[in-house]
Protein backbone atom coordinates (compact mmCIF):
# COMPACT_ATOMS: atom_id res chain seq x y z
CA MET A 1 0.00 0.00 0.00
CA SER A 2 1.39 3.40 -0.96
CA PRO A 3 1.66 6.03 1.79
CA ARG A 4 -1.30 8.37 2.15
CA GLU A 5 -1.31 11.83 3.71
CA PRO A 6 -3.71 12.05 6.71
CA ALA A 7 -6.65 14.44 6.46
CA PRO A 8 -5.90 17.97 7.71
CA GLY A 9 -7.96 17.51 10.89
CA HIS A 10 -6.66 14.02 11.69
CA ARG A 11 -4.77 13.55 14.95
CA PRO A 12 -2.24 10.77 15.64
CA LEU A 13 -4.39 8.92 18.19
CA ASP A 14 -7.75 9.28 16.44
CA GLY A 15 -9.66 6.04 16.99
CA VAL A 16 -7.73 5.07 20.13
CA ARG A 17 -10.01 4.45 23.11
CA VAL A 18 -8.74 5.04 26.64
CA VAL A 19 -10.47 3.87 29.82
CA ASP A 20 -9.28 6.17 32.58
CA LEU A 21 -9.51 5.02 36.20
CA SER A 22 -7.05 7.67 37.39
CA ARG A 23 -7.74 10.60 39.64
CA VAL A 24 -6.36 13.89 40.99
CA LEU A 25 -3.42 14.97 38.76
CA ALA A 26 -0.71 12.59 37.49
CA GLY A 27 -3.01 10.08 35.77
CA PRO A 28 -5.53 12.65 34.51
CA PHE A 29 -2.65 14.73 33.11
CA CYS A 30 -1.46 11.68 31.18
CA THR A 31 -4.92 11.00 29.74
CA LEU A 32 -5.37 14.69 28.91
CA LEU A 33 -2.22 14.46 26.77
CA LEU A 34 -3.59 11.35 25.06
CA SER A 35 -6.88 13.15 24.48
CA GLN A 36 -5.08 16.14 22.95
CA LEU A 37 -3.47 13.71 20.51
CA GLY A 38 -6.91 12.46 19.47
CA ALA A 39 -7.73 9.59 21.83
CA ARG A 40 -11.25 9.19 23.19
CA VAL A 41 -10.96 9.17 26.99
CA THR A 42 -13.70 7.70 29.17
CA LYS A 43 -13.27 8.49 32.86
CA VAL A 44 -14.56 5.67 35.05
CA GLU A 45 -15.27 7.27 38.42
CA SER A 46 -16.57 6.13 41.76
CA PRO A 47 -20.26 6.96 42.23
CA ARG A 48 -19.28 8.21 45.70
CA GLY A 49 -17.96 11.64 44.70
CA GLY A 50 -16.00 10.65 41.61
CA ASP A 51 -12.41 11.72 40.96
CA ASP A 52 -10.91 13.11 44.20
CA GLY A 53 -9.87 16.16 42.20
CA ARG A 54 -13.52 17.24 42.06
CA ALA A 55 -13.25 18.17 45.76
CA ILE A 56 -10.10 20.29 45.39
CA GLY A 57 -10.51 24.07 45.01
CA PRO A 58 -10.65 26.72 43.90
CA PHE A 59 -14.27 26.47 42.78
CA LYS A 60 -16.45 28.52 40.46
CA ASN A 61 -20.21 28.02 40.62
CA GLY A 62 -19.52 24.93 42.71
CA LYS A 63 -17.27 23.26 40.11
CA SER A 64 -13.59 22.58 40.74
CA LEU A 65 -11.20 24.53 38.54
CA TYR A 66 -8.42 22.15 39.64
CA PHE A 67 -10.37 19.17 38.27
CA SER A 68 -11.47 21.07 35.19
CA SER A 69 -7.94 22.06 34.17
CA VAL A 70 -6.95 18.45 33.36
CA ASN A 71 -10.27 16.76 32.53
CA TRP A 72 -11.72 18.67 29.60
CA ASP A 73 -12.23 16.72 26.36
CA LYS A 74 -13.16 13.60 28.37
CA GLU A 75 -16.41 11.79 29.14
CA SER A 76 -17.53 10.36 32.49
CA ILE A 77 -19.36 7.29 33.72
CA ALA A 78 -19.71 6.35 37.38
CA LEU A 79 -19.23 2.65 38.15
CA ASP A 80 -18.97 0.81 41.44
CA LEU A 81 -16.33 -1.80 40.64
CA LYS A 82 -17.27 -3.77 43.76
CA THR A 83 -20.69 -4.62 42.32
CA ASP A 84 -21.53 -7.14 39.60
CA ASP A 85 -23.22 -4.51 37.43
CA GLY A 86 -20.30 -2.10 37.70
CA ARG A 87 -17.77 -4.82 36.95
CA GLU A 88 -19.74 -6.02 33.93
CA VAL A 89 -19.86 -2.56 32.35
CA PHE A 90 -16.18 -1.99 33.13
CA LEU A 91 -15.20 -5.22 31.39
CA GLU A 92 -17.33 -4.29 28.38
CA LEU A 93 -15.49 -0.99 28.16
CA LEU A 94 -12.14 -2.79 28.32
CA ALA A 95 -13.20 -5.18 25.57
CA ARG A 96 -13.47 -2.18 23.23
CA ALA A 97 -10.55 -0.21 24.65
CA ASP A 98 -6.97 0.17 23.52
CA VAL A 99 -5.60 1.59 26.76
CA LEU A 100 -6.38 1.39 30.48
CA VAL A 101 -4.80 4.00 32.78
CA GLU A 102 -4.90 3.90 36.59
CA ASN A 103 -2.91 5.47 39.40
CA PHE A 104 -3.89 3.38 42.38
CA ARG A 105 -1.36 1.98 44.80
CA PRO A 106 0.01 -1.35 43.50
CA GLY A 107 -2.26 -4.15 44.72
CA THR A 108 -5.49 -2.15 44.52
CA MET A 109 -6.50 -3.50 41.10
CA ASP A 110 -5.67 -7.02 42.31
CA ARG A 111 -8.03 -6.58 45.28
CA LEU A 112 -10.74 -5.30 42.95
CA GLY A 113 -10.36 -8.49 40.91
CA PHE A 114 -8.59 -6.96 37.90
CA PRO A 115 -4.92 -7.99 38.13
CA TRP A 116 -2.78 -7.31 35.07
CA GLU A 117 -2.22 -11.01 34.41
CA SER A 118 -5.93 -11.82 34.10
CA LEU A 119 -6.69 -8.65 32.12
CA HIS A 120 -3.84 -9.44 29.74
CA GLU A 121 -5.13 -12.98 29.24
CA ARG A 122 -8.68 -11.78 28.60
CA PHE A 123 -7.76 -8.66 26.56
CA PRO A 124 -4.37 -9.37 24.99
CA GLN A 125 -4.58 -6.21 22.87
CA LEU A 126 -4.95 -3.92 25.90
CA VAL A 127 -2.15 -1.51 26.84
CA TYR A 128 -2.18 -1.03 30.61
CA GLY A 129 -0.66 2.18 32.01
CA ALA A 130 -0.02 1.96 35.77
CA LEU A 131 1.21 5.02 37.62
CA SER A 132 2.06 5.01 41.32
CA GLY A 133 4.34 6.64 43.83
CA PHE A 134 7.04 3.99 43.82
CA GLY A 135 6.16 1.47 41.11
CA ARG A 136 5.24 -2.20 41.24
CA THR A 137 8.60 -3.42 42.57
CA GLY A 138 10.99 -2.51 45.37
CA PRO A 139 10.63 -2.20 49.15
CA LEU A 140 8.40 0.91 48.97
CA SER A 141 6.05 -0.31 46.24
CA ARG A 142 2.94 -0.33 48.46
CA ARG A 143 3.66 3.02 50.13
CA PRO A 144 1.36 5.99 49.28
CA ALA A 145 2.83 9.15 47.77
CA TYR A 146 1.90 12.64 46.73
CA ASP A 147 3.80 15.16 44.64
CA MET A 148 5.40 16.72 47.72
CA VAL A 149 6.64 13.34 48.94
CA VAL A 150 8.48 12.46 45.73
CA GLN A 151 9.86 15.97 45.24
CA GLY A 152 11.47 15.58 48.65
CA MET A 153 12.56 11.96 48.32
CA GLY A 154 13.72 12.29 44.71
CA GLY A 155 16.19 15.12 45.32
CA VAL A 156 14.36 17.84 43.40
CA MET A 157 13.67 19.92 46.53
CA SER A 158 17.36 19.76 47.45
CA VAL A 159 18.34 21.65 44.28
CA THR A 160 15.43 24.13 44.34
CA GLY A 161 15.41 27.51 46.05
CA HIS A 162 18.27 29.77 47.11
CA PRO A 163 21.54 28.85 48.83
CA GLY A 164 21.10 28.75 52.59
CA GLY A 165 17.31 28.73 52.31
CA PRO A 166 14.91 26.02 53.43
CA PRO A 167 14.00 23.04 51.20
CA THR A 168 11.74 24.44 48.49
CA ARG A 169 9.00 22.81 46.46
CA VAL A 170 8.94 23.47 42.72
CA GLY A 171 6.11 25.94 42.09
CA VAL A 172 4.07 23.44 40.06
CA SER A 173 3.39 19.79 40.91
CA ILE A 174 6.41 18.50 39.00
CA GLY A 175 6.17 15.11 40.73
CA ASP A 176 2.74 14.53 39.20
CA LEU A 177 3.32 16.28 35.90
CA ALA A 178 6.61 14.52 35.09
CA ALA A 179 5.03 11.15 35.89
CA GLY A 180 2.06 11.91 33.63
CA LEU A 181 4.40 12.90 30.81
CA TYR A 182 6.50 9.75 31.16
CA LEU A 183 3.41 7.55 31.32
CA SER A 184 1.95 9.08 28.16
CA THR A 185 5.25 8.42 26.36
CA GLY A 186 5.24 4.83 27.58
CA VAL A 187 1.64 4.28 26.52
CA VAL A 188 2.26 5.63 23.01
CA ALA A 189 5.37 3.43 22.73
CA ALA A 190 3.34 0.40 23.82
CA LEU A 191 0.67 1.21 21.23
CA LEU A 192 3.36 1.36 18.53
CA GLU A 193 4.75 -1.99 19.69
CA ARG A 194 1.23 -3.46 19.59
CA GLU A 195 0.95 -2.43 15.95
CA ARG A 196 3.97 -4.65 15.28
CA THR A 197 3.12 -7.58 17.55
CA GLY A 198 -0.64 -7.46 18.05
CA VAL A 199 -0.13 -7.72 21.80
CA GLY A 200 -0.47 -5.05 24.47
CA SER A 201 1.85 -4.62 27.44
CA MET A 202 1.90 -3.05 30.87
CA VAL A 203 3.70 0.27 31.41
CA ASP A 204 4.80 0.72 35.04
CA VAL A 205 5.73 4.34 35.91
CA ALA A 206 6.74 5.49 39.39
CA MET A 207 6.64 9.13 40.45
CA LEU A 208 9.90 8.73 42.39
CA ASP A 209 11.64 7.26 39.32
CA CYS A 210 10.56 10.26 37.28
CA GLN A 211 12.04 12.71 39.79
CA VAL A 212 15.35 10.85 39.65
CA ALA A 213 15.19 10.92 35.83
CA ILE A 214 14.79 14.71 35.69
CA LEU A 215 17.73 15.55 37.98
CA GLU A 216 19.59 16.53 34.80
CA GLY A 217 23.34 16.00 35.21
CA ALA A 218 23.36 15.89 39.02
CA ILE A 219 23.51 12.08 39.23
CA THR A 220 26.30 11.84 36.66
CA VAL A 221 28.36 14.62 38.28
CA TYR A 222 27.97 13.03 41.71
CA GLY A 223 29.00 9.62 40.39
CA ALA A 224 32.11 11.01 38.72
CA THR A 225 33.26 13.63 41.25
CA GLY A 226 31.34 13.14 44.49
CA GLU A 227 29.91 16.67 44.17
CA ILE A 228 26.41 16.91 45.64
CA ALA A 229 24.26 19.49 43.85
CA GLY A 230 22.51 22.12 45.93
CA PRO A 231 20.20 25.07 45.35
CA LEU A 232 21.50 27.94 43.25
CA GLY A 233 18.46 30.19 43.09
CA ASP A 234 18.08 31.50 39.53
CA ARG A 235 21.62 30.51 38.47
CA HIS A 236 22.61 27.64 36.20
CA PRO A 237 25.07 25.21 37.82
CA ARG A 238 27.43 25.10 34.81
CA ILE A 239 26.88 28.24 32.70
CA ALA A 240 27.31 31.98 33.39
CA PRO A 241 25.88 34.51 32.82
CA PHE A 242 22.68 32.46 32.77
CA GLY A 243 19.94 33.60 35.11
CA VAL A 244 17.84 36.52 36.35
CA PHE A 245 19.49 39.94 36.56
CA ASP A 246 18.23 43.24 37.96
CA ALA A 247 17.57 46.14 35.61
CA ALA A 248 16.53 49.59 36.82
CA ASP A 249 12.86 48.68 37.27
CA GLY A 250 12.79 44.92 37.60
CA PRO A 251 14.28 41.57 36.67
CA ILE A 252 15.18 40.19 33.25
CA VAL A 253 16.43 36.80 32.15
CA ILE A 254 19.75 36.66 30.31
CA ALA A 255 21.14 33.39 28.93
CA ALA A 256 24.54 33.99 27.33
CA GLY A 257 25.56 30.36 27.13
CA ASN A 258 28.79 30.55 25.13
CA ASP A 259 31.73 32.84 24.31
CA ARG A 260 30.05 34.31 21.25
CA LEU A 261 26.90 35.27 23.14
CA PHE A 262 28.90 36.61 26.08
CA ALA A 263 30.81 38.90 23.71
CA ARG A 264 27.53 40.12 22.20
CA LEU A 265 26.13 40.81 25.67
CA CYS A 266 29.19 42.81 26.72
CA ALA A 267 29.02 44.84 23.50
CA ALA A 268 25.28 45.49 23.91
CA ILE A 269 25.76 46.96 27.38
CA GLY A 270 28.95 48.83 26.50
CA ARG A 271 31.20 46.67 28.67
CA GLU A 272 33.50 45.14 26.03
CA GLU A 273 36.39 45.05 28.53
CA LEU A 274 34.69 42.16 30.36
CA VAL A 275 35.38 39.82 27.44
CA ALA A 276 39.14 40.00 28.04
CA ASP A 277 38.91 40.15 31.83
CA PRO A 278 40.92 37.14 33.09
CA ARG A 279 38.10 36.33 35.51
CA PHE A 280 35.61 35.94 32.67
CA ASP A 281 37.52 35.09 29.48
CA ALA A 282 36.52 31.41 29.36
CA PRO A 283 33.27 29.55 30.17
CA GLU A 284 34.65 27.71 33.20
CA ARG A 285 36.16 30.90 34.65
CA ARG A 286 32.83 32.70 34.19
CA ARG A 287 31.09 29.86 36.01
CA ALA A 288 33.57 29.93 38.88
CA ALA A 289 33.23 33.72 39.19
CA ALA A 290 29.48 33.85 38.56
CA ALA A 291 28.76 36.05 41.60
CA GLU A 292 31.43 38.58 40.61
CA LEU A 293 30.20 38.57 37.02
CA ARG A 294 26.64 39.21 38.18
CA ARG A 295 27.77 42.23 40.21
CA ASP A 296 29.70 43.69 37.29
CA LEU A 297 26.82 43.20 34.85
CA GLU A 298 24.18 44.56 37.20
CA THR A 299 26.22 47.70 37.81
CA THR A 300 25.42 48.56 34.20
CA LEU A 301 22.02 46.86 33.86
CA ARG A 302 20.56 48.94 36.71
CA ARG A 303 21.07 52.12 34.66
CA ARG A 304 18.24 51.35 32.23
CA SER A 305 14.81 49.78 32.29
CA ALA A 306 14.17 46.10 31.67
CA SER A 307 12.20 46.90 28.49
CA ASP A 308 15.08 48.98 27.11
CA TRP A 309 17.56 46.19 27.66
CA LEU A 310 15.26 43.56 26.19
CA VAL A 311 14.95 45.53 22.96
CA LEU A 312 18.73 45.86 22.69
CA PHE A 313 19.37 42.21 23.51
CA GLU A 314 16.78 40.95 21.04
CA GLU A 315 18.34 43.08 18.31
CA ALA A 316 21.75 41.61 19.18
CA GLY A 317 20.44 38.03 19.13
CA ILE A 318 21.04 37.42 22.83
CA PRO A 319 18.60 34.94 24.45
CA CYS A 320 16.61 36.95 26.98
CA SER A 321 13.14 37.43 28.38
CA PRO A 322 11.05 39.28 30.94
CA VAL A 323 9.98 37.38 34.07
CA ASN A 324 6.28 37.05 33.29
CA ASP A 325 3.49 36.28 35.71
CA VAL A 326 0.58 34.03 34.70
CA ALA A 327 -1.55 36.93 33.46
CA GLN A 328 1.28 38.09 31.18
CA VAL A 329 1.79 34.56 29.88
CA ALA A 330 -1.92 34.20 29.13
CA SER A 331 -1.94 37.40 27.06
CA HIS A 332 1.41 36.92 25.29
CA PRO A 333 1.17 37.11 21.47
CA GLN A 334 3.57 34.18 20.98
CA VAL A 335 1.46 32.01 23.27
CA ALA A 336 -1.65 33.04 21.33
CA ALA A 337 0.00 32.37 17.97
CA ARG A 338 0.70 28.79 19.06
CA SER A 339 -2.89 28.24 20.31
CA MET A 340 -1.58 27.56 23.79
CA ILE A 341 -4.53 29.16 25.56
CA LEU A 342 -7.89 27.66 24.64
CA ASP A 343 -11.41 28.71 25.54
CA VAL A 344 -13.75 25.81 26.34
CA ALA A 345 -17.48 26.47 26.67
CA ASP A 346 -18.80 24.99 29.91
CA PRO A 347 -22.45 25.14 31.04
CA VAL A 348 -21.42 25.64 34.68
CA LEU A 349 -18.24 27.69 34.42
CA GLY A 350 -19.09 29.73 31.33
CA THR A 351 -15.83 30.06 29.41
CA LEU A 352 -13.08 27.87 30.81
CA ARG A 353 -9.54 28.91 29.84
CA VAL A 354 -7.08 26.01 29.63
CA ALA A 355 -3.57 25.35 28.38
CA GLY A 356 -3.51 23.91 24.86
CA SER A 357 -1.37 21.08 23.57
CA PRO A 358 2.33 21.90 23.03
CA ILE A 359 2.56 19.03 20.50
CA LYS A 360 1.90 20.52 17.08
CA ILE A 361 1.65 18.31 14.00
CA VAL A 362 2.72 20.35 10.98
CA GLY A 363 0.00 20.62 8.36
CA ARG A 364 -2.78 19.49 10.71
CA GLU A 365 -5.62 21.68 11.89
CA GLU A 366 -6.22 21.85 15.62
CA PRO A 367 -9.76 21.12 16.84
CA ALA A 368 -12.03 24.13 16.69
CA SER A 369 -14.03 23.13 19.77
CA HIS A 370 -13.63 20.97 22.84
CA ARG A 371 -15.76 19.05 25.33
CA PRO A 372 -16.11 20.71 28.74
CA PRO A 373 -14.88 18.84 31.81
CA PRO A 374 -17.69 16.36 32.46
CA GLU A 375 -20.01 16.33 35.41
CA LEU A 376 -19.84 13.07 37.32
CA ASP A 377 -21.59 10.30 35.34
CA ALA A 378 -22.61 12.81 32.65
CA ASP A 379 -22.16 10.36 29.76
CA ARG A 380 -23.66 7.23 31.31
CA GLU A 381 -26.66 6.88 29.02
CA ALA A 382 -24.72 7.52 25.83
CA ILE A 383 -21.95 5.09 26.82
CA LEU A 384 -24.37 2.33 27.87
CA ALA A 385 -26.42 2.78 24.68
CA GLU A 386 -23.25 2.40 22.62
CA LEU A 387 -22.30 -0.76 24.49
CA ARG A 388 -25.79 -2.22 23.95
CA ARG A 389 -25.57 -1.57 20.22
CA ARG A 390 -22.29 -3.45 20.00
CA ARG A 391 -23.28 -6.54 22.01
């Protein structure tokens, strides 16, 4: 068969069906990513309150914005998996599904009567994505975890914040978000493998593992030199000048990551003599003298406004930026040009603003409209009617 270009509105996971047992953030973030790539995601929730994220604020008109931010473009059915009726519908959904995602503690699905081994035997095509705090193996596998727990245990808090300050949490739930990203990658890889073999597999992702994986070079440097990374505030551990610097009226980001860019920066601020200064004339010397270099640069940077410097640096081709707050991000023309802020019509919330998908497929149109985050059990009748038609 000769290759055929997909239709302009086609998305890579169109036709893929995901049954989503996950709740709160890590699992729902994974299934949101799959949905943005075209998958149909059916949330299976407990009839006793549904996804725990529904009870987390802030709220608007009684509906959780926390829940809504990661559960739009999904449908919901409430099933009690401890009852015969609930189990029967759940198994019917799995019979038609490509992917199952859950983020229970290991052992929970076994106790519910749905261990991987029996599901794999009954539904050999099913890809099973399991996300937990510590994974299915190891001495901590049955221990509960939240984002804060794995940020602390995984070393991320130890390299966040300012020198001498207290342990600091990353400002977003990086423990959950990184795990959701890794699980979505694993699920897509398992789907590709299934295309080749016809058989699904289980993807086991641990939040702690993901924190270790994103420590950048800290593990490698420690293994080779014994150096233990610590917090550096806004500085980069290996590159200078590379951080946040004070202008006359506020901070700006400057990232002059090599000799060429450092020379451009010095020329742009009228401090060409810094290029030949023996403290700063090589990358490693600039890194070692990063505090001195900051002081010298800020002596000049504080003479003009941040906006003035940003114009000059952009003209010189020096990587730089303002330090934007969320409102400035949401109104930024580059963010708008990439469709990274979407408006979703919701009957309860009115217009819900959400972050769009950062994965752009060249030549493909993005969806013009989206489903609102579902009310609990909102799609029961439509889902059951579809199952009845296919029996």
